[in-house]
């Protein structure tokens, strides 16, 4: 067996974080199930268009896909983002709603 490349590993990590299986990622991203399955089975690098769709489905930028640690933020902001990143999609939606509520009522 061969070792997975960075992109495949990262996509699988994002799928797990978002609770996606291959079918769900295909639906959320608009990428065909056969394209995703082939990419995983053959350990092939995704095309940039495919990567952009996957990132969109996972609510991250392409830059975040490749570099998750280069934030120019305070320690407190980094901690908040790490906690936010660890939440499920539903949890992130709830956290964002709460932050918006707080900002409006400050």
PDB file of N, CA and C in Angstrom:
ATOM      1  N   UNK A   1       0.850  -1.191   0.000  1.00  0.00           N
ATOM      2  CA  UNK A   1       0.000   0.000   0.000  1.00  0.00           C
ATOM      3  C   UNK A   1       0.887   1.243   0.000  1.00  0.00           C
ATOM      4  N   UNK A   2       0.459   2.277  -0.619  1.00  0.00           N
ATOM      5  CA  UNK A   2       1.224   3.514  -0.707  1.00  0.00           C
ATOM      6  C   UNK A   2       0.735   4.515   0.323  1.00  0.00           C
ATOM      7  N   UNK A   3       1.590   5.469   0.620  1.00  0.00           N
ATOM      8  CA  UNK A   3       1.245   6.501   1.589  1.00  0.00           C
ATOM      9  C   UNK A   3       0.373   7.568   0.927  1.00  0.00           C
ATOM     10  N   UNK A   4      -0.652   8.022   1.625  1.00  0.00           N
ATOM     11  CA  UNK A   4      -1.513   9.071   1.093  1.00  0.00           C
ATOM     12  C   UNK A   4      -0.757  10.377   0.970  1.00  0.00           C
ATOM     13  N   UNK A   5      -1.052  11.123  -0.091  1.00  0.00           N
ATOM     14  CA  UNK A   5      -0.422  12.431  -0.255  1.00  0.00           C
ATOM     15  C   UNK A   5      -1.087  13.446   0.678  1.00  0.00           C
ATOM     16  N   UNK A   6      -0.469  14.611   0.795  1.00  0.00           N
ATOM     17  CA  UNK A   6      -0.951  15.637   1.723  1.00  0.00           C
ATOM     18  C   UNK A   6      -2.407  16.002   1.465  1.00  0.00           C
ATOM     19  N   UNK A   7      -2.760  16.247   0.210  1.00  0.00           N
ATOM     20  CA  UNK A   7      -4.126  16.699  -0.098  1.00  0.00           C
ATOM     21  C   UNK A   7      -5.166  15.660   0.304  1.00  0.00           C
ATOM     22  N   UNK A   8      -4.896  14.406   0.014  1.00  0.00           N
ATOM     23  CA  UNK A   8      -5.848  13.352   0.371  1.00  0.00           C
ATOM     24  C   UNK A   8      -5.983  13.267   1.894  1.00  0.00           C
ATOM     25  N   UNK A   9      -4.853  13.311   2.595  1.00  0.00           N
ATOM     26  CA  UNK A   9      -4.905  13.285   4.063  1.00  0.00           C
ATOM     27  C   UNK A   9      -5.707  14.465   4.602  1.00  0.00           C
ATOM     28  N   UNK A  10      -5.457  15.638   4.052  1.00  0.00           N
ATOM     29  CA  UNK A  10      -6.128  16.849   4.525  1.00  0.00           C
ATOM     30  C   UNK A  10      -7.617  16.792   4.236  1.00  0.00           C
ATOM     31  N   UNK A  11      -7.982  16.287   3.058  1.00  0.00           N
ATOM     32  CA  UNK A  11      -9.410  16.163   2.714  1.00  0.00           C
ATOM     33  C   UNK A  11     -10.090  15.192   3.662  1.00  0.00           C
ATOM     34  N   UNK A  12      -9.447  14.086   3.941  1.00  0.00           N
ATOM     35  CA  UNK A  12     -10.025  13.116   4.890  1.00  0.00           C
ATOM     36  C   UNK A  12     -10.175  13.738   6.282  1.00  0.00           C
ATOM     37  N   UNK A  13      -9.204  14.528   6.682  1.00  0.00           N
ATOM     38  CA  UNK A  13      -9.274  15.229   7.972  1.00  0.00           C
ATOM     39  C   UNK A  13     -10.474  16.172   8.001  1.00  0.00           C
ATOM     40  N   UNK A  14     -10.671  16.920   6.932  1.00  0.00           N
ATOM     41  CA  UNK A  14     -11.807  17.843   6.852  1.00  0.00           C
ATOM     42  C   UNK A  14     -13.130  17.092   6.816  1.00  0.00           C
ATOM     43  N   UNK A  15     -13.150  15.956   6.121  1.00  0.00           N
ATOM     44  CA  UNK A  15     -14.370  15.150   6.081  1.00  0.00           C
ATOM     45  C   UNK A  15     -14.746  14.684   7.476  1.00  0.00           C
ATOM     46  N   UNK A  16     -13.757  14.212   8.214  1.00  0.00           N
ATOM     47  CA  UNK A  16     -14.019  13.742   9.575  1.00  0.00           C
ATOM     48  C   UNK A  16     -14.518  14.887  10.451  1.00  0.00           C
ATOM     49  N   UNK A  17     -13.852  16.032  10.354  1.00  0.00           N
ATOM     50  CA  UNK A  17     -14.230  17.189  11.161  1.00  0.00           C
ATOM     51  C   UNK A  17     -15.662  17.634  10.877  1.00  0.00           C
ATOM     52  N   UNK A  18     -16.085  17.540   9.614  1.00  0.00           N
ATOM     53  CA  UNK A  18     -17.412  17.987   9.223  1.00  0.00           C
ATOM     54  C   UNK A  18     -18.457  16.876   9.229  1.00  0.00           C
ATOM     55  N   UNK A  19     -18.054  15.671   9.592  1.00  0.00           N
ATOM     56  CA  UNK A  19     -18.986  14.553   9.629  1.00  0.00           C
ATOM     57  C   UNK A  19     -19.418  14.091   8.241  1.00  0.00           C
ATOM     58  N   UNK A  20     -18.534  14.244   7.262  1.00  0.00           N
ATOM     59  CA  UNK A  20     -18.843  13.867   5.885  1.00  0.00           C
ATOM     60  C   UNK A  20     -18.280  12.493   5.556  1.00  0.00           C
ATOM     61  N   UNK A  21     -19.066  11.705   4.851  1.00  0.00           N
ATOM     62  CA  UNK A  21     -18.512  10.554   4.159  1.00  0.00           C
ATOM     63  C   UNK A  21     -18.313  10.999   2.706  1.00  0.00           C
ATOM     64  N   UNK A  22     -17.846  10.125   1.854  1.00  0.00           N
ATOM     65  CA  UNK A  22     -17.566  10.517   0.473  1.00  0.00           C
ATOM     66  C   UNK A  22     -18.832  10.990  -0.231  1.00  0.00           C
ATOM     67  N   UNK A  23     -19.929  10.292   0.005  1.00  0.00           N
ATOM     68  CA  UNK A  23     -21.198  10.682  -0.628  1.00  0.00           C
ATOM     69  C   UNK A  23     -21.633  12.075  -0.184  1.00  0.00           C
ATOM     70  N   UNK A  24     -21.555  12.336   1.105  1.00  0.00           N
ATOM     71  CA  UNK A  24     -21.978  13.643   1.633  1.00  0.00           C
ATOM     72  C   UNK A  24     -21.081  14.768   1.113  1.00  0.00           C
ATOM     73  N   UNK A  25     -19.763  14.530   1.039  1.00  0.00           N
ATOM     74  CA  UNK A  25     -18.856  15.528   0.488  1.00  0.00           C
ATOM     75  C   UNK A  25     -19.194  15.797  -0.977  1.00  0.00           C
ATOM     76  N   UNK A  26     -19.517  14.756  -1.711  1.00  0.00           N
ATOM     77  CA  UNK A  26     -19.901  14.930  -3.119  1.00  0.00           C
ATOM     78  C   UNK A  26     -21.135  15.821  -3.221  1.00  0.00           C
ATOM     79  N   UNK A  27     -22.120  15.559  -2.405  1.00  0.00           N
ATOM     80  CA  UNK A  27     -23.354  16.363  -2.420  1.00  0.00           C
ATOM     81  C   UNK A  27     -23.094  17.809  -2.015  1.00  0.00           C
ATOM     82  N   UNK A  28     -22.321  18.020  -0.937  1.00  0.00           N
ATOM     83  CA  UNK A  28     -22.064  19.360  -0.429  1.00  0.00           C
ATOM     84  C   UNK A  28     -21.188  20.185  -1.370  1.00  0.00           C
ATOM     85  N   UNK A  29     -20.285  19.512  -2.082  1.00  0.00           N
ATOM     86  CA  UNK A  29     -19.326  20.225  -2.916  1.00  0.00           C
ATOM     87  C   UNK A  29     -19.733  20.339  -4.380  1.00  0.00           C
ATOM     88  N   UNK A  30     -20.651  19.478  -4.809  1.00  0.00           N
ATOM     89  CA  UNK A  30     -21.017  19.470  -6.220  1.00  0.00           C
ATOM     90  C   UNK A  30     -20.031  18.702  -7.083  1.00  0.00           C
ATOM     91  N   UNK A  31     -19.166  17.934  -6.466  1.00  0.00           N
ATOM     92  CA  UNK A  31     -18.209  17.089  -7.179  1.00  0.00           C
ATOM     93  C   UNK A  31     -18.833  15.707  -7.315  1.00  0.00           C
ATOM     94  N   UNK A  32     -18.641  15.079  -8.453  1.00  0.00           N
ATOM     95  CA  UNK A  32     -19.247  13.759  -8.641  1.00  0.00           C
ATOM     96  C   UNK A  32     -18.636  12.749  -7.675  1.00  0.00           C
ATOM     97  N   UNK A  33     -19.465  11.829  -7.261  1.00  0.00           N
ATOM     98  CA  UNK A  33     -19.019  10.780  -6.358  1.00  0.00           C
ATOM     99  C   UNK A  33     -17.907   9.959  -7.008  1.00  0.00           C
ATOM    100  N   UNK A  34     -18.020   9.717  -8.307  1.00  0.00           N
ATOM    101  CA  UNK A  34     -16.983   8.930  -8.989  1.00  0.00           C
ATOM    102  C   UNK A  34     -15.645   9.665  -8.997  1.00  0.00           C
ATOM    103  N   UNK A  35     -15.656  10.989  -9.129  1.00  0.00           N
ATOM    104  CA  UNK A  35     -14.414  11.765  -9.096  1.00  0.00           C
ATOM    105  C   UNK A  35     -13.751  11.644  -7.730  1.00  0.00           C
ATOM    106  N   UNK A  36     -14.530  11.829  -6.671  1.00  0.00           N
ATOM    107  CA  UNK A  36     -13.976  11.721  -5.320  1.00  0.00           C
ATOM    108  C   UNK A  36     -13.477  10.309  -5.033  1.00  0.00           C
ATOM    109  N   UNK A  37     -14.273   9.320  -5.371  1.00  0.00           N
ATOM    110  CA  UNK A  37     -13.882   7.931  -5.113  1.00  0.00           C
ATOM    111  C   UNK A  37     -12.592   7.589  -5.842  1.00  0.00           C
ATOM    112  N   UNK A  38     -12.495   7.997  -7.091  1.00  0.00           N
ATOM    113  CA  UNK A  38     -11.291   7.742  -7.879  1.00  0.00           C
ATOM    114  C   UNK A  38     -10.079   8.439  -7.272  1.00  0.00           C
ATOM    115  N   UNK A  39     -10.277   9.665  -6.833  1.00  0.00           N
ATOM    116  CA  UNK A  39      -9.196  10.436  -6.224  1.00  0.00           C
ATOM    117  C   UNK A  39      -8.671   9.714  -4.978  1.00  0.00           C
ATOM    118  N   UNK A  40      -9.578   9.205  -4.134  1.00  0.00           N
ATOM    119  CA  UNK A  40      -9.175   8.499  -2.929  1.00  0.00           C
ATOM    120  C   UNK A  40      -8.549   7.140  -3.246  1.00  0.00           C
ATOM    121  N   UNK A  41      -9.148   6.404  -4.171  1.00  0.00           N
ATOM    122  CA  UNK A  41      -8.644   5.069  -4.500  1.00  0.00           C
ATOM    123  C   UNK A  41      -7.257   5.107  -5.133  1.00  0.00           C
ATOM    124  N   UNK A  42      -6.992   6.104  -5.971  1.00  0.00           N
ATOM    125  CA  UNK A  42      -5.732   6.182  -6.704  1.00  0.00           C
ATOM    126  C   UNK A  42      -4.733   7.160  -6.091  1.00  0.00           C
ATOM    127  N   UNK A  43      -5.099   7.767  -4.962  1.00  0.00           N
ATOM    128  CA  UNK A  43      -4.212   8.689  -4.251  1.00  0.00           C
ATOM    129  C   UNK A  43      -3.713   9.807  -5.178  1.00  0.00           C
ATOM    130  N   UNK A  44      -4.634  10.371  -5.935  1.00  0.00           N
ATOM    131  CA  UNK A  44      -4.263  11.416  -6.890  1.00  0.00           C
ATOM    132  C   UNK A  44      -4.544  12.800  -6.329  1.00  0.00           C
ATOM    133  N   UNK A  45      -3.689  13.739  -6.688  1.00  0.00           N
ATOM    134  CA  UNK A  45      -3.880  15.127  -6.287  1.00  0.00           C
ATOM    135  C   UNK A  45      -5.139  15.676  -6.968  1.00  0.00           C
ATOM    136  N   UNK A  46      -5.983  16.381  -6.223  1.00  0.00           N
ATOM    137  CA  UNK A  46      -7.165  16.981  -6.859  1.00  0.00           C
ATOM    138  C   UNK A  46      -6.773  18.175  -7.716  1.00  0.00           C
ATOM    139  N   UNK A  47      -7.564  18.431  -8.747  1.00  0.00           N
ATOM    140  CA  UNK A  47      -7.380  19.640  -9.543  1.00  0.00           C
ATOM    141  C   UNK A  47      -7.764  20.832  -8.667  1.00  0.00           C
ATOM    142  N   UNK A  48      -7.269  22.002  -9.003  1.00  0.00           N
ATOM    143  CA  UNK A  48      -7.535  23.190  -8.184  1.00  0.00           C
ATOM    144  C   UNK A  48      -9.030  23.478  -8.106  1.00  0.00           C
ATOM    145  N   UNK A  49      -9.759  23.258  -9.200  1.00  0.00           N
ATOM    146  CA  UNK A  49     -11.212  23.480  -9.179  1.00  0.00           C
ATOM    147  C   UNK A  49     -11.889  22.545  -8.183  1.00  0.00           C
ATOM    148  N   UNK A  50     -11.417  21.315  -8.136  1.00  0.00           N
ATOM    149  CA  UNK A  50     -11.966  20.333  -7.188  1.00  0.00           C
ATOM    150  C   UNK A  50     -11.640  20.754  -5.761  1.00  0.00           C
ATOM    151  N   UNK A  51     -10.411  21.162  -5.553  1.00  0.00           N
ATOM    152  CA  UNK A  51      -9.985  21.603  -4.225  1.00  0.00           C
ATOM    153  C   UNK A  51     -10.779  22.815  -3.758  1.00  0.00           C
ATOM    154  N   UNK A  52     -11.039  23.762  -4.654  1.00  0.00           N
ATOM    155  CA  UNK A  52     -11.832  24.940  -4.301  1.00  0.00           C
ATOM    156  C   UNK A  52     -13.235  24.540  -3.866  1.00  0.00           C
ATOM    157  N   UNK A  53     -13.842  23.582  -4.546  1.00  0.00           N
ATOM    158  CA  UNK A  53     -15.188  23.119  -4.186  1.00  0.00           C
ATOM    159  C   UNK A  53     -15.188  22.403  -2.842  1.00  0.00           C
ATOM    160  N   UNK A  54     -14.163  21.612  -2.585  1.00  0.00           N
ATOM    161  CA  UNK A  54     -14.059  20.914  -1.302  1.00  0.00           C
ATOM    162  C   UNK A  54     -13.898  21.931  -0.172  1.00  0.00           C
ATOM    163  N   UNK A  55     -13.035  22.915  -0.388  1.00  0.00           N
ATOM    164  CA  UNK A  55     -12.834  23.950   0.627  1.00  0.00           C
ATOM    165  C   UNK A  55     -14.126  24.712   0.902  1.00  0.00           C
ATOM    166  N   UNK A  56     -14.844  25.049  -0.138  1.00  0.00           N
ATOM    167  CA  UNK A  56     -16.111  25.749   0.021  1.00  0.00           C
ATOM    168  C   UNK A  56     -17.098  24.908   0.831  1.00  0.00           C
ATOM    169  N   UNK A  57     -17.174  23.629   0.528  1.00  0.00           N
ATOM    170  CA  UNK A  57     -18.086  22.735   1.250  1.00  0.00           C
ATOM    171  C   UNK A  57     -17.707  22.604   2.719  1.00  0.00           C
ATOM    172  N   UNK A  58     -16.433  22.824   3.025  1.00  0.00           N
ATOM    173  CA  UNK A  58     -15.939  22.711   4.398  1.00  0.00           C
ATOM    174  C   UNK A  58     -15.786  24.065   5.085  1.00  0.00           C
ATOM    175  N   UNK A  59     -16.238  25.125   4.414  1.00  0.00           N
ATOM    176  CA  UNK A  59     -16.193  26.480   4.974  1.00  0.00           C
ATOM    177  C   UNK A  59     -14.781  26.954   5.305  1.00  0.00           C
ATOM    178  N   UNK A  60     -13.831  26.650   4.434  1.00  0.00           N
ATOM    179  CA  UNK A  60     -12.473  27.155   4.607  1.00  0.00           C
ATOM    180  C   UNK A  60     -11.976  27.683   3.266  1.00  0.00           C
ATOM    181  N   UNK A  61     -10.934  28.493   3.314  1.00  0.00           N
ATOM    182  CA  UNK A  61     -10.313  28.977   2.080  1.00  0.00           C
ATOM    183  C   UNK A  61      -9.255  27.969   1.636  1.00  0.00           C
ATOM    184  N   UNK A  62      -8.833  28.101   0.388  1.00  0.00           N
ATOM    185  CA  UNK A  62      -7.760  27.246  -0.109  1.00  0.00           C
ATOM    186  C   UNK A  62      -6.482  27.503   0.693  1.00  0.00           C
ATOM    187  N   UNK A  63      -6.255  28.757   1.066  1.00  0.00           N
ATOM    188  CA  UNK A  63      -5.084  29.084   1.887  1.00  0.00           C
ATOM    189  C   UNK A  63      -5.138  28.339   3.222  1.00  0.00           C
ATOM    190  N   UNK A  64      -6.303  28.288   3.846  1.00  0.00           N
ATOM    191  CA  UNK A  64      -6.443  27.569   5.109  1.00  0.00           C
ATOM    192  C   UNK A  64      -6.228  26.066   4.918  1.00  0.00           C
ATOM    193  N   UNK A  65      -6.593  25.560   3.759  1.00  0.00           N
ATOM    194  CA  UNK A  65      -6.397  24.146   3.466  1.00  0.00           C
ATOM    195  C   UNK A  65      -4.920  23.784   3.567  1.00  0.00           C
ATOM    196  N   UNK A  66      -4.062  24.651   3.025  1.00  0.00           N
ATOM    197  CA  UNK A  66      -2.638  24.354   2.977  1.00  0.00           C
ATOM    198  C   UNK A  66      -1.862  24.831   4.196  1.00  0.00           C
ATOM    199  N   UNK A  67      -2.279  25.923   4.794  1.00  0.00           N
ATOM    200  CA  UNK A  67      -1.516  26.468   5.912  1.00  0.00           C
ATOM    201  C   UNK A  67      -2.459  26.848   7.031  1.00  0.00           C
ATOM    202  N   UNK A  68      -2.483  26.025   8.053  1.00  0.00           N
ATOM    203  CA  UNK A  68      -3.404  26.278   9.149  1.00  0.00           C
ATOM    204  C   UNK A  68      -2.752  26.976  10.319  1.00  0.00           C
ATOM    205  N   UNK A  69      -1.441  27.152  10.303  1.00  0.00           N
ATOM    206  CA  UNK A  69      -0.774  27.677  11.496  1.00  0.00           C
ATOM    207  C   UNK A  69      -0.206  29.078  11.328  1.00  0.00           C
ATOM    208  N   UNK A  70      -0.380  29.693  10.172  1.00  0.00           N
ATOM    209  CA  UNK A  70       0.256  31.003   9.961  1.00  0.00           C
ATOM    210  C   UNK A  70      -0.723  32.147  10.218  1.00  0.00           C
ATOM    211  N   UNK A  71      -1.260  32.193  11.406  1.00  0.00           N
ATOM    212  CA  UNK A  71      -2.183  33.256  11.769  1.00  0.00           C
ATOM    213  C   UNK A  71      -1.428  34.374  12.460  1.00  0.00           C
ATOM    214  N   UNK A  72      -1.755  35.610  12.134  1.00  0.00           N
ATOM    215  CA  UNK A  72      -1.146  36.756  12.797  1.00  0.00           C
ATOM    216  C   UNK A  72      -2.139  37.255  13.838  1.00  0.00           C
ATOM    217  N   UNK A  73      -2.390  36.415  14.845  1.00  0.00           N
ATOM    218  CA  UNK A  73      -3.411  36.692  15.842  1.00  0.00           C
ATOM    219  C   UNK A  73      -2.826  36.584  17.237  1.00  0.00           C
ATOM    220  N   UNK A  74      -3.548  37.141  18.189  1.00  0.00           N
ATOM    221  CA  UNK A  74      -3.133  37.020  19.585  1.00  0.00           C
ATOM    222  C   UNK A  74      -3.351  35.581  20.054  1.00  0.00           C
ATOM    223  N   UNK A  75      -2.770  35.251  21.190  1.00  0.00           N
ATOM    224  CA  UNK A  75      -2.934  33.914  21.762  1.00  0.00           C
ATOM    225  C   UNK A  75      -4.411  33.626  22.046  1.00  0.00           C
ATOM    226  N   UNK A  76      -5.122  34.642  22.542  1.00  0.00           N
ATOM    227  CA  UNK A  76      -6.553  34.466  22.828  1.00  0.00           C
ATOM    228  C   UNK A  76      -7.339  34.207  21.542  1.00  0.00           C
ATOM    229  N   UNK A  77      -7.039  34.942  20.473  1.00  0.00           N
ATOM    230  CA  UNK A  77      -7.721  34.736  19.199  1.00  0.00           C
ATOM    231  C   UNK A  77      -7.404  33.349  18.629  1.00  0.00           C
ATOM    232  N   UNK A  78      -6.149  32.929  18.746  1.00  0.00           N
ATOM    233  CA  UNK A  78      -5.778  31.590  18.296  1.00  0.00           C
ATOM    234  C   UNK A  78      -6.539  30.521  19.063  1.00  0.00           C
ATOM    235  N   UNK A  79      -6.660  30.713  20.369  1.00  0.00           N
ATOM    236  CA  UNK A  79      -7.395  29.745  21.191  1.00  0.00           C
ATOM    237  C   UNK A  79      -8.858  29.673  20.762  1.00  0.00           C
ATOM    238  N   UNK A  80      -9.459  30.837  20.532  1.00  0.00           N
ATOM    239  CA  UNK A  80     -10.857  30.859  20.093  1.00  0.00           C
ATOM    240  C   UNK A  80     -11.024  30.146  18.750  1.00  0.00           C
ATOM    241  N   UNK A  81     -10.102  30.387  17.828  1.00  0.00           N
ATOM    242  CA  UNK A  81     -10.193  29.730  16.521  1.00  0.00           C
ATOM    243  C   UNK A  81      -9.957  28.227  16.627  1.00  0.00           C
ATOM    244  N   UNK A  82      -9.044  27.818  17.490  1.00  0.00           N
ATOM    245  CA  UNK A  82      -8.825  26.386  17.683  1.00  0.00           C
ATOM    246  C   UNK A  82     -10.082  25.715  18.233  1.00  0.00           C
ATOM    247  N   UNK A  83     -10.733  26.365  19.181  1.00  0.00           N
ATOM    248  CA  UNK A  83     -11.981  25.818  19.727  1.00  0.00           C
ATOM    249  C   UNK A  83     -13.050  25.786  18.652  1.00  0.00           C
ATOM    250  N   UNK A  84     -13.188  26.873  17.906  1.00  0.00           N
ATOM    251  CA  UNK A  84     -14.166  26.945  16.821  1.00  0.00           C
ATOM    252  C   UNK A  84     -13.914  25.835  15.804  1.00  0.00           C
ATOM    253  N   UNK A  85     -12.655  25.640  15.430  1.00  0.00           N
ATOM    254  CA  UNK A  85     -12.304  24.612  14.450  1.00  0.00           C
ATOM    255  C   UNK A  85     -12.626  23.214  14.944  1.00  0.00           C
ATOM    256  N   UNK A  86     -12.625  23.007  16.249  1.00  0.00           N
ATOM    257  CA  UNK A  86     -12.881  21.677  16.798  1.00  0.00           C
ATOM    258  C   UNK A  86     -14.375  21.346  16.860  1.00  0.00           C
ATOM    259  N   UNK A  87     -15.222  22.344  16.656  1.00  0.00           N
ATOM    260  CA  UNK A  87     -16.667  22.133  16.736  1.00  0.00           C
ATOM    261  C   UNK A  87     -17.210  21.481  15.471  1.00  0.00           C
ATOM    262  N   UNK A  88     -18.362  20.854  15.614  1.00  0.00           N
ATOM    263  CA  UNK A  88     -19.077  20.332  14.450  1.00  0.00           C
ATOM    264  C   UNK A  88     -19.625  21.510  13.651  1.00  0.00           C
ATOM    265  N   UNK A  89     -20.122  21.235  12.484  1.00  0.00           N
ATOM    266  CA  UNK A  89     -20.718  22.304  11.661  1.00  0.00           C
ATOM    267  C   UNK A  89     -21.853  22.979  12.430  1.00  0.00           C
ATOM    268  N   UNK A  90     -22.678  22.189  13.102  1.00  0.00           N
ATOM    269  CA  UNK A  90     -23.788  22.759  13.878  1.00  0.00           C
ATOM    270  C   UNK A  90     -23.256  23.623  15.019  1.00  0.00           C
ATOM    271  N   UNK A  91     -22.221  23.139  15.700  1.00  0.00           N
ATOM    272  CA  UNK A  91     -21.619  23.901  16.779  1.00  0.00           C
ATOM    273  C   UNK A  91     -21.026  25.215  16.295  1.00  0.00           C
ATOM    274  N   UNK A  92     -20.374  25.178  15.124  1.00  0.00           N
ATOM    275  CA  UNK A  92     -19.802  26.413  14.558  1.00  0.00           C
ATOM    276  C   UNK A  92     -20.907  27.403  14.216  1.00  0.00           C
ATOM    277  N   UNK A  93     -22.009  26.905  13.656  1.00  0.00           N
ATOM    278  CA  UNK A  93     -23.143  27.787  13.341  1.00  0.00           C
ATOM    279  C   UNK A  93     -23.703  28.430  14.607  1.00  0.00           C
ATOM    280  N   UNK A  94     -23.816  27.635  15.677  1.00  0.00           N
ATOM    281  CA  UNK A  94     -24.337  28.163  16.937  1.00  0.00           C
ATOM    282  C   UNK A  94     -23.381  29.193  17.538  1.00  0.00           C
ATOM    283  N   UNK A  95     -22.072  28.895  17.486  1.00  0.00           N
ATOM    284  CA  UNK A  95     -21.080  29.826  18.028  1.00  0.00           C
ATOM    285  C   UNK A  95     -21.109  31.144  17.267  1.00  0.00           C
ATOM    286  N   UNK A  96     -21.199  31.067  15.956  1.00  0.00           N
ATOM    287  CA  UNK A  96     -21.244  32.279  15.150  1.00  0.00           C
ATOM    288  C   UNK A  96     -22.511  33.083  15.449  1.00  0.00           C
ATOM    289  N   UNK A  97     -23.628  32.397  15.583  1.00  0.00           N
ATOM    290  CA  UNK A  97     -24.875  33.090  15.928  1.00  0.00           C
ATOM    291  C   UNK A  97     -24.756  33.804  17.268  1.00  0.00           C
ATOM    292  N   UNK A  98     -24.152  33.142  18.236  1.00  0.00           N
ATOM    293  CA  UNK A  98     -23.978  33.741  19.559  1.00  0.00           C
ATOM    294  C   UNK A  98     -23.051  34.955  19.486  1.00  0.00           C
ATOM    295  N   UNK A  99     -21.953  34.839  18.748  1.00  0.00           N
ATOM    296  CA  UNK A  99     -21.039  35.979  18.611  1.00  0.00           C
ATOM    297  C   UNK A  99     -21.717  37.158  17.921  1.00  0.00           C
ATOM    298  N   UNK A 100     -22.522  36.891  16.919  1.00  0.00           N
ATOM    299  CA  UNK A 100     -23.260  37.961  16.246  1.00  0.00           C
ATOM    300  C   UNK A 100     -24.250  38.615  17.212  1.00  0.00           C
ATOM    301  N   UNK A 101     -24.925  37.795  18.016  1.00  0.00           N
ATOM    302  CA  UNK A 101     -25.838  38.332  19.024  1.00  0.00           C
ATOM    303  C   UNK A 101     -25.095  39.247  19.994  1.00  0.00           C
ATOM    304  N   UNK A 102     -23.942  38.787  20.482  1.00  0.00           N
ATOM    305  CA  UNK A 102     -23.153  39.597  21.408  1.00  0.00           C
ATOM    306  C   UNK A 102     -22.720  40.927  20.763  1.00  0.00           C
ATOM    307  N   UNK A 103     -22.264  40.859  19.524  1.00  0.00           N
ATOM    308  CA  UNK A 103     -21.798  42.072  18.831  1.00  0.00           C
ATOM    309  C   UNK A 103     -22.926  43.070  18.648  1.00  0.00           C
ATOM    310  N   UNK A 104     -24.116  42.580  18.358  1.00  0.00           N
ATOM    311  CA  UNK A 104     -25.264  43.473  18.157  1.00  0.00           C
ATOM    312  C   UNK A 104     -25.740  44.090  19.458  1.00  0.00           C
ATOM    313  N   UNK A 105     -25.507  43.420  20.559  1.00  0.00           N
ATOM    314  CA  UNK A 105     -26.002  43.892  21.847  1.00  0.00           C
ATOM    315  C   UNK A 105     -24.908  44.484  22.737  1.00  0.00           C
ATOM    316  N   UNK A 106     -23.781  44.783  22.216  1.00  0.00           N
ATOM    317  CA  UNK A 106     -22.677  45.399  22.954  1.00  0.00           C
ATOM    318  C   UNK A 106     -22.962  46.858  23.183  1.00  0.00           C
TER     319      UNK A 106
END
